[in-house]
Amino acid sequence: MRVEDRKFVTTGGVYTDDLVQKEFAGAAHLTFVRSPMAHGRIRSVDTRAAREAPGVIAVFAPDDLDVTPLAPSFPMFNPQMLRPWLASEVVRFVGEPIAAVLTEQLYQGEDAAELIEVDLKPLPTVLSTARSAADEVLLFPAAGTNLVATFGEQRDPSMFNGCEVVLTQRLTNRRVAPVPLEPRAAAASWGVDGRLTLWCSNQGAQFIQGELAGMLGVGTGLVHIRTADVGGGFGAKIEADLEFAIIAELAKILGRPVRWAETRSENLTGMVHGRGQDQVITVGGRRDGTVTAYSLEVEQDCGAYPRLGGLLPTATLMMAPGVYDIENVHGYARCWVTNTTSIGAYRGAGRPEATFAIERALDLFAAEIEMDPAEVRRKNLSPPFSAPRPNGAGAVYDSGDYAAALDKVLAAGDYPKLRAEQTRRRSAGLTRQLGLGVSTYVEITGLGLGELKEAAEVEVYPDGTVTVLTGTSPHGQGHATAWAMIASDQLGIPIEKITVLHGDTDLIPAGGGTLGSRSLQQGGVAVHQASIELVELAKQRAADLLEANPDDMVVDLAKAGVKVVGSDQGIRFAELAGRERLLAHTTFAAPGPTFPFGAHLAVVEVDIETGKSVLQRIITVDDAGRVLNPLLCEGQRHGGIAQGVAQALYEEVLYDDLGNPLTSTLADYPMISAAELPSFELLAMQTETPFNPLGAKGIGEAATIGSTPAVLNAVIDAVSYLGVRHIEMPATAHRVWEAIQAAQTNHTVPSAPLGQK
């Protein structure tokens, strides 16, 4: 049991909206009036009736805020794509804030917001990257284009010369919603010293501090970020939302605290979405199964305002060749704005898109040359390695044994027996056909958004307790347990006496947060390093007290202290702390990111009359190096598999032709549940990294990356004997049925859902 769990299963977590601190007594409640239109010119905003409504403290229309529109966060983005704090001339997506209402009670804000009249003139909508690329309707006329940024180079036309087989396929990674347990929430107050304190749900307080300070135009020292329990992030809570800046600004204007927590529908339409990437893959090679050339061209949907999602194609291109030795690899990406919710990070953030592309390419190639897809993979896998090696697309892999991972899942699933059962069902003409999907993957972890380093502080107190300060920011990963285990392993102090603190920029000024599966390999290693340094400090002090040579001092785990080697003469850490403060602060710098890898085998059953697909088994190897805590590792794998399966079979954000969200409630958005999942078959494999002393890689996103292509490949494999070569995600019953009908009648299968043409 994790040390965090007792609270969550008894009294429950304390989330941002649960705060009852004295500093927020009498806080005003903020309600946003959001755009009901995807693209329109604002003719007027009439707030008169709302200002007279019961409980209203203030109403802010666009002209009531004297603030500068915000430029994109990243320098490579088009600088003319400015975002207003409240939409003042044009609205660019359904859900964009137009006005803000502050009330004494929350329900009063909802009532007053309905009294605000917004007159909008509809403008043509841009809902796809193809429509955006035409530049016929510009979301930002001053920019002169809808293009946000480009990465990589155009393909050499001669790249596939000499290939015996060349295949091209369009793919789509559809938008998905993060749907965290806790939607976005924040509470702000300004002190008499002119400093802002902002509580918010986030994945890294220090990153939020820097972004928010930039938005407000103040120094980071004037912004204090604090973090309560966080009900899930999945990448969507990495960045500082504009709403946070608005809350802070309004609290300053009012001279009183302001609170905000969005509804679930606001969350589904306003919080950043994930994926949203169109791809064109071209694969070429020989008929003996050797892949010699591979091209990945990406069109990234950024949504209405470019955010972190516009940067993610760099990770996609970097990981384009996956686990394969391919002589010639090409990648190119263009990023576009559309009249939709902005795209941000979502579990895997650019790497699942790369794996999906190459794994579909390998299956298409195998089908064309009539070779088993597992054999095509085995033929092209990079050989085992334990020293860093380049992948040909800009990444340097640390260690890996990809063939071993593939062999493990195939053996555990009894792959020949499964193929025999598939053949039997096809020969018998059964309605329910079996499909097998293989995915062999590698991903990049620990890259983060800054330098590859993390800080930690470990302090022992006279009563024998320990406090660990960390710059990582847990939201379900179990850091309180893991970091306590690491410190306990070095100090001999029970984990029950170790408290892990995070998410407070006054207490922990430097930190990289929790993103990109960096926590253990950088944050955990920093705790490990700080614990060792504390022991060394204790040895020095104990040697002085015991009149011994420091070189003769060793740690005494049984007594939670240090002693003279070969004797019982020693002193406990707690006693040393009683004489003089005993702490160590350190920063661990990694030589590079790490590259977890693995293989997934999915078994699905498809009803060829209805198109319904049911996942029967999923067998996985997710090698993340040395495992610190098997329970925590398995939990991360479970969550990752579930989200990967969801993308393959169920989840997608939909808009109609006018840009109206069709999936704005959980009655419409098909978030996966345990009922749709089998028991996971998790196989163990540990290939340590040379990049940190724990030998650990990241595990938080790995299973998401491997499961999606495996499951989709399995669905397609089940109906491939009918002539189906590709089905877009998610492979809903309707899409599968359409693919079967199209294959049997030689018609083209629609590649886009309703409203995304």
Foldseek 3Di string as FASTA:
>chain_A
DFPVVVCCVPVRFQAAVNDDDPQAVQAWEKDFQWDQFLKWFWPDKDLVVLCPFPFWPDKFFQVNDPFDWAAAPDPQWQRLLTHRLADDTMHHATLGGGMMIIGRDHVSRVVSSVVMDIDTGDDAFFFALVSQQVQPDDLRVVSVGQWTHKDFDDDDPCQQPPFPDKDKDKFAQFWFAQPFPFFWKKKWAADPVRAIEMEIAAQFQQQQLVQLCVRLVHDSVRYKYFYTAHRDDQFQRHYHDSVRNVQHVVNVVVVGMYIYGDDLLSRRFAGAIEGQKMWMKMWTHYLVLETAEIEIEIEHEFESGRHALVVLCLQLQQCQQFQFQHNYYGYMYIYGYTSGHGHTHGQQRNFLVNQLRNQLVLLLSCVVSVHPSLVSCVVGGDAWDQDWDGRNRNDIAFTDHQVVQSVVQCVVVVVVVQVVVQVVCVVVVDQKGKFKFKGWGKHWAQPADDASKWKKKWWAALVGAIEIETSEGDNPLSCLRLLLLLLCVLQLRDSVRYGYDYRICVVPVDHRGDDRLNCCVHGSLNSNVFSVVLQLVQLVVFCVVVVHDSVQKDHDSNQRWIAGPPDPHTDHSSVVCVVPIGMGMDMDGWPGIHMKIHMKMWMWIARLVQQAIATDAIEMETAFADDRDVVSLVVLLVVLLQLLLCFQAFFHWDAAQRNRTQQSDCVRGPRDDCVRDDDYHYDYDHDFGPGGPNSGHGRNRRNSSRNNSRVQNRSQRRCVVLVQSHFHPNSYSVRSNQSSVCSNVVHDRDRDDHNHD
